[in-house]
Amino acid sequence: MVQETKEPQENKFALGKKNLQLLLIGFVIIVFGFILMVGGKSDDPTVFNYAMFNFRRVTLAPVVVLCGFLFEIYAIMKKTGNSEQTKEND
């Protein structure tokens, strides 16, 4: 019986360096969208402030957050050069 010598496996992440950079960019986009939603409160609690229903908070910010989440999905699904190196090592 022939025993194969197994080389020690290197710890490899499922995502490459480029993917992690793209994930960080997507996270920043999401945080920016939530920052756009901030504000619109009234100084006097008995007075209703219509400033909370402006375009920035109701339309722009949710679209920016949605784009950030879509960018995160792209960053996870994007293939990098690591997959080619893995195939060569097998």
N, C-alpha and C. Protein backbone atom coordinates (compact mmCIF):
# COMPACT_ATOMS: atom_id res chain seq x y z
N MET A 1 0.84 -1.16 0.00
CA MET A 1 0.00 0.00 0.00
C MET A 1 0.90 1.24 0.00
N VAL A 2 0.62 2.14 -0.90
CA VAL A 2 1.41 3.35 -1.05
C VAL A 2 0.74 4.47 -0.28
N GLN A 3 1.51 5.11 0.56
CA GLN A 3 0.97 6.23 1.33
C GLN A 3 1.35 7.53 0.64
N GLU A 4 0.36 8.36 0.47
CA GLU A 4 0.62 9.67 -0.13
C GLU A 4 1.01 10.65 0.97
N THR A 5 2.01 11.44 0.67
CA THR A 5 2.38 12.47 1.63
C THR A 5 1.51 13.69 1.38
N LYS A 6 0.86 14.12 2.41
CA LYS A 6 -0.01 15.28 2.27
C LYS A 6 0.72 16.50 2.79
N GLU A 7 0.72 17.52 1.98
CA GLU A 7 1.32 18.78 2.39
C GLU A 7 0.36 19.49 3.33
N PRO A 8 0.88 20.21 4.29
CA PRO A 8 -0.03 20.93 5.20
C PRO A 8 -0.84 21.97 4.43
N GLN A 9 -2.11 22.01 4.73
CA GLN A 9 -3.01 22.95 4.06
C GLN A 9 -2.79 24.36 4.61
N GLU A 10 -2.73 25.30 3.71
CA GLU A 10 -2.65 26.69 4.13
C GLU A 10 -4.05 27.17 4.49
N ASN A 11 -4.13 28.04 5.46
CA ASN A 11 -5.43 28.62 5.80
C ASN A 11 -5.79 29.63 4.73
N LYS A 12 -6.82 29.33 3.98
CA LYS A 12 -7.27 30.23 2.92
C LYS A 12 -8.69 30.66 3.22
N PHE A 13 -8.94 31.92 2.98
CA PHE A 13 -10.28 32.44 3.15
C PHE A 13 -11.10 32.14 1.91
N ALA A 14 -12.40 32.09 2.06
CA ALA A 14 -13.27 31.84 0.93
C ALA A 14 -13.27 33.01 -0.05
N LEU A 15 -13.02 34.20 0.46
CA LEU A 15 -12.99 35.39 -0.38
C LEU A 15 -11.57 35.93 -0.46
N GLY A 16 -11.23 36.44 -1.62
CA GLY A 16 -9.90 36.99 -1.81
C GLY A 16 -9.79 38.42 -1.29
N LYS A 17 -8.60 38.96 -1.44
CA LYS A 17 -8.34 40.32 -0.95
C LYS A 17 -9.20 41.34 -1.69
N LYS A 18 -9.35 41.16 -3.00
CA LYS A 18 -10.17 42.08 -3.80
C LYS A 18 -11.63 42.05 -3.34
N ASN A 19 -12.14 40.84 -3.05
CA ASN A 19 -13.51 40.72 -2.57
C ASN A 19 -13.71 41.44 -1.25
N LEU A 20 -12.74 41.31 -0.36
CA LEU A 20 -12.85 41.97 0.94
C LEU A 20 -12.81 43.49 0.80
N GLN A 21 -12.02 43.97 -0.15
CA GLN A 21 -11.99 45.41 -0.40
C GLN A 21 -13.34 45.88 -0.94
N LEU A 22 -13.93 45.10 -1.85
CA LEU A 22 -15.24 45.46 -2.39
C LEU A 22 -16.32 45.40 -1.30
N LEU A 23 -16.21 44.43 -0.40
CA LEU A 23 -17.16 44.35 0.72
C LEU A 23 -17.06 45.58 1.60
N LEU A 24 -15.86 46.05 1.83
CA LEU A 24 -15.67 47.25 2.65
C LEU A 24 -16.28 48.47 1.97
N ILE A 25 -16.10 48.57 0.66
CA ILE A 25 -16.69 49.68 -0.09
C ILE A 25 -18.22 49.62 0.00
N GLY A 26 -18.79 48.44 -0.15
CA GLY A 26 -20.23 48.28 -0.03
C GLY A 26 -20.74 48.64 1.35
N PHE A 27 -19.99 48.28 2.38
CA PHE A 27 -20.36 48.64 3.75
C PHE A 27 -20.37 50.15 3.93
N VAL A 28 -19.39 50.83 3.35
CA VAL A 28 -19.33 52.29 3.44
C VAL A 28 -20.54 52.92 2.74
N ILE A 29 -20.94 52.36 1.59
CA ILE A 29 -22.11 52.87 0.87
C ILE A 29 -23.36 52.70 1.72
N ILE A 30 -23.51 51.56 2.38
CA ILE A 30 -24.68 51.33 3.23
C ILE A 30 -24.71 52.30 4.40
N VAL A 31 -23.58 52.49 5.04
CA VAL A 31 -23.50 53.43 6.17
C VAL A 31 -23.83 54.84 5.70
N PHE A 32 -23.33 55.23 4.53
CA PHE A 32 -23.63 56.54 3.97
C PHE A 32 -25.13 56.70 3.74
N GLY A 33 -25.80 55.65 3.26
CA GLY A 33 -27.25 55.69 3.07
C GLY A 33 -28.00 55.90 4.37
N PHE A 34 -27.55 55.23 5.43
CA PHE A 34 -28.19 55.42 6.73
C PHE A 34 -27.92 56.80 7.30
N ILE A 35 -26.75 57.34 7.01
CA ILE A 35 -26.47 58.72 7.45
C ILE A 35 -27.40 59.70 6.74
N LEU A 36 -27.71 59.42 5.47
CA LEU A 36 -28.64 60.29 4.74
C LEU A 36 -30.05 60.28 5.36
N MET A 37 -30.40 59.19 6.03
CA MET A 37 -31.73 59.09 6.64
C MET A 37 -31.85 59.86 7.95
N VAL A 38 -30.75 60.25 8.53
CA VAL A 38 -30.75 60.88 9.84
C VAL A 38 -31.38 62.27 9.78
N GLY A 39 -32.07 62.64 10.84
CA GLY A 39 -32.59 64.00 10.98
C GLY A 39 -34.10 64.07 10.84
N GLY A 40 -34.59 65.29 10.81
CA GLY A 40 -36.01 65.52 10.62
C GLY A 40 -36.82 65.55 11.90
N LYS A 41 -36.16 65.57 13.04
CA LYS A 41 -36.94 65.61 14.28
C LYS A 41 -37.34 67.04 14.60
N SER A 42 -38.36 67.15 15.38
CA SER A 42 -38.87 68.46 15.77
C SER A 42 -38.29 68.84 17.13
N ASP A 43 -38.00 70.12 17.30
CA ASP A 43 -37.50 70.61 18.58
C ASP A 43 -38.61 70.58 19.64
N ASP A 44 -39.83 70.83 19.20
CA ASP A 44 -40.97 70.83 20.10
C ASP A 44 -41.80 69.57 19.84
N PRO A 45 -41.98 68.69 20.82
CA PRO A 45 -42.71 67.44 20.58
C PRO A 45 -44.19 67.64 20.25
N THR A 46 -44.73 68.80 20.50
CA THR A 46 -46.15 69.03 20.20
C THR A 46 -46.34 69.51 18.77
N VAL A 47 -45.27 69.84 18.07
CA VAL A 47 -45.35 70.34 16.69
C VAL A 47 -44.84 69.26 15.74
N PHE A 48 -45.65 68.97 14.72
CA PHE A 48 -45.24 67.98 13.72
C PHE A 48 -44.33 68.64 12.70
N ASN A 49 -43.21 67.98 12.40
CA ASN A 49 -42.23 68.52 11.48
C ASN A 49 -42.29 67.74 10.17
N TYR A 50 -42.65 68.41 9.09
CA TYR A 50 -42.75 67.76 7.78
C TYR A 50 -41.39 67.56 7.12
N ALA A 51 -40.32 68.03 7.74
CA ALA A 51 -38.98 67.88 7.17
C ALA A 51 -38.55 66.42 7.10
N MET A 52 -39.20 65.56 7.90
CA MET A 52 -38.81 64.16 7.84
C MET A 52 -39.28 63.48 6.55
N PHE A 53 -40.15 64.12 5.80
CA PHE A 53 -40.66 63.54 4.56
C PHE A 53 -40.03 64.16 3.32
N ASN A 54 -38.82 64.66 3.42
CA ASN A 54 -38.21 65.26 2.23
C ASN A 54 -37.61 64.18 1.33
N PHE A 55 -37.20 64.56 0.15
CA PHE A 55 -36.69 63.64 -0.87
C PHE A 55 -35.49 62.85 -0.38
N ARG A 56 -34.59 63.50 0.34
CA ARG A 56 -33.36 62.85 0.78
C ARG A 56 -33.65 61.66 1.69
N ARG A 57 -34.55 61.83 2.65
CA ARG A 57 -34.82 60.77 3.63
C ARG A 57 -35.75 59.68 3.11
N VAL A 58 -36.69 60.04 2.25
CA VAL A 58 -37.72 59.09 1.83
C VAL A 58 -37.32 58.35 0.55
N THR A 59 -36.58 58.99 -0.34
CA THR A 59 -36.27 58.38 -1.62
C THR A 59 -34.79 58.10 -1.80
N LEU A 60 -33.97 59.11 -1.66
CA LEU A 60 -32.54 58.97 -1.96
C LEU A 60 -31.84 57.99 -1.02
N ALA A 61 -32.04 58.12 0.27
CA ALA A 61 -31.35 57.27 1.24
C ALA A 61 -31.68 55.78 1.07
N PRO A 62 -32.96 55.40 0.93
CA PRO A 62 -33.24 53.97 0.72
C PRO A 62 -32.64 53.44 -0.59
N VAL A 63 -32.60 54.25 -1.63
CA VAL A 63 -32.00 53.81 -2.89
C VAL A 63 -30.50 53.61 -2.71
N VAL A 64 -29.85 54.49 -1.98
CA VAL A 64 -28.41 54.35 -1.72
C VAL A 64 -28.14 53.09 -0.90
N VAL A 65 -28.95 52.82 0.11
CA VAL A 65 -28.78 51.61 0.92
C VAL A 65 -29.00 50.37 0.07
N LEU A 66 -30.03 50.37 -0.77
CA LEU A 66 -30.29 49.23 -1.65
C LEU A 66 -29.12 49.01 -2.60
N CYS A 67 -28.57 50.08 -3.16
CA CYS A 67 -27.40 49.95 -4.04
C CYS A 67 -26.21 49.38 -3.27
N GLY A 68 -26.06 49.77 -2.02
CA GLY A 68 -25.00 49.22 -1.20
C GLY A 68 -25.15 47.72 -0.99
N PHE A 69 -26.37 47.27 -0.72
CA PHE A 69 -26.60 45.84 -0.55
C PHE A 69 -26.38 45.08 -1.86
N LEU A 70 -26.79 45.65 -2.97
CA LEU A 70 -26.53 45.00 -4.27
C LEU A 70 -25.04 44.94 -4.55
N PHE A 71 -24.32 45.98 -4.17
CA PHE A 71 -22.87 45.98 -4.35
C PHE A 71 -22.22 44.91 -3.47
N GLU A 72 -22.76 44.69 -2.27
CA GLU A 72 -22.26 43.64 -1.38
C GLU A 72 -22.45 42.26 -2.02
N ILE A 73 -23.61 42.04 -2.62
CA ILE A 73 -23.87 40.76 -3.30
C ILE A 73 -22.88 40.58 -4.44
N TYR A 74 -22.64 41.63 -5.21
CA TYR A 74 -21.66 41.56 -6.30
C TYR A 74 -20.28 41.25 -5.75
N ALA A 75 -19.90 41.87 -4.64
CA ALA A 75 -18.57 41.67 -4.06
C ALA A 75 -18.39 40.22 -3.59
N ILE A 76 -19.44 39.62 -3.09
CA ILE A 76 -19.35 38.23 -2.64
C ILE A 76 -19.28 37.28 -3.84
N MET A 77 -20.05 37.55 -4.87
CA MET A 77 -20.14 36.64 -6.01
C MET A 77 -18.99 36.77 -7.00
N LYS A 78 -18.27 37.89 -6.97
CA LYS A 78 -17.20 38.14 -7.94
C LYS A 78 -16.09 37.12 -7.78
N LYS A 79 -15.68 36.54 -8.90
CA LYS A 79 -14.57 35.60 -8.87
C LYS A 79 -13.27 36.38 -8.96
N THR A 80 -12.30 35.92 -8.20
CA THR A 80 -10.99 36.58 -8.22
C THR A 80 -9.94 35.60 -8.71
N GLY A 81 -8.71 36.04 -8.76
CA GLY A 81 -7.61 35.21 -9.22
C GLY A 81 -7.32 34.02 -8.31
N ASN A 82 -7.81 34.05 -7.07
CA ASN A 82 -7.56 32.96 -6.15
C ASN A 82 -8.15 31.63 -6.63
N SER A 83 -9.27 31.67 -7.34
CA SER A 83 -9.89 30.44 -7.81
C SER A 83 -9.00 29.74 -8.84
N GLU A 84 -8.29 30.51 -9.65
CA GLU A 84 -7.39 29.92 -10.63
C GLU A 84 -6.18 29.29 -9.94
N GLN A 85 -5.67 29.93 -8.91
CA GLN A 85 -4.54 29.38 -8.17
C GLN A 85 -4.93 28.10 -7.45
N THR A 86 -6.14 28.04 -6.95
CA THR A 86 -6.61 26.85 -6.26
C THR A 86 -6.69 25.67 -7.22
N LYS A 87 -7.15 25.93 -8.44
CA LYS A 87 -7.26 24.86 -9.44
C LYS A 87 -5.89 24.33 -9.82
N GLU A 88 -4.90 25.18 -9.88
CA GLU A 88 -3.55 24.76 -10.23
C GLU A 88 -2.96 23.90 -9.12
N ASN A 89 -3.27 24.18 -7.87
CA ASN A 89 -2.71 23.43 -6.75
C ASN A 89 -3.35 22.05 -6.60
N ASP A 90 -4.55 21.84 -7.12
CA ASP A 90 -5.22 20.53 -6.99
C ASP A 90 -4.63 19.48 -7.88
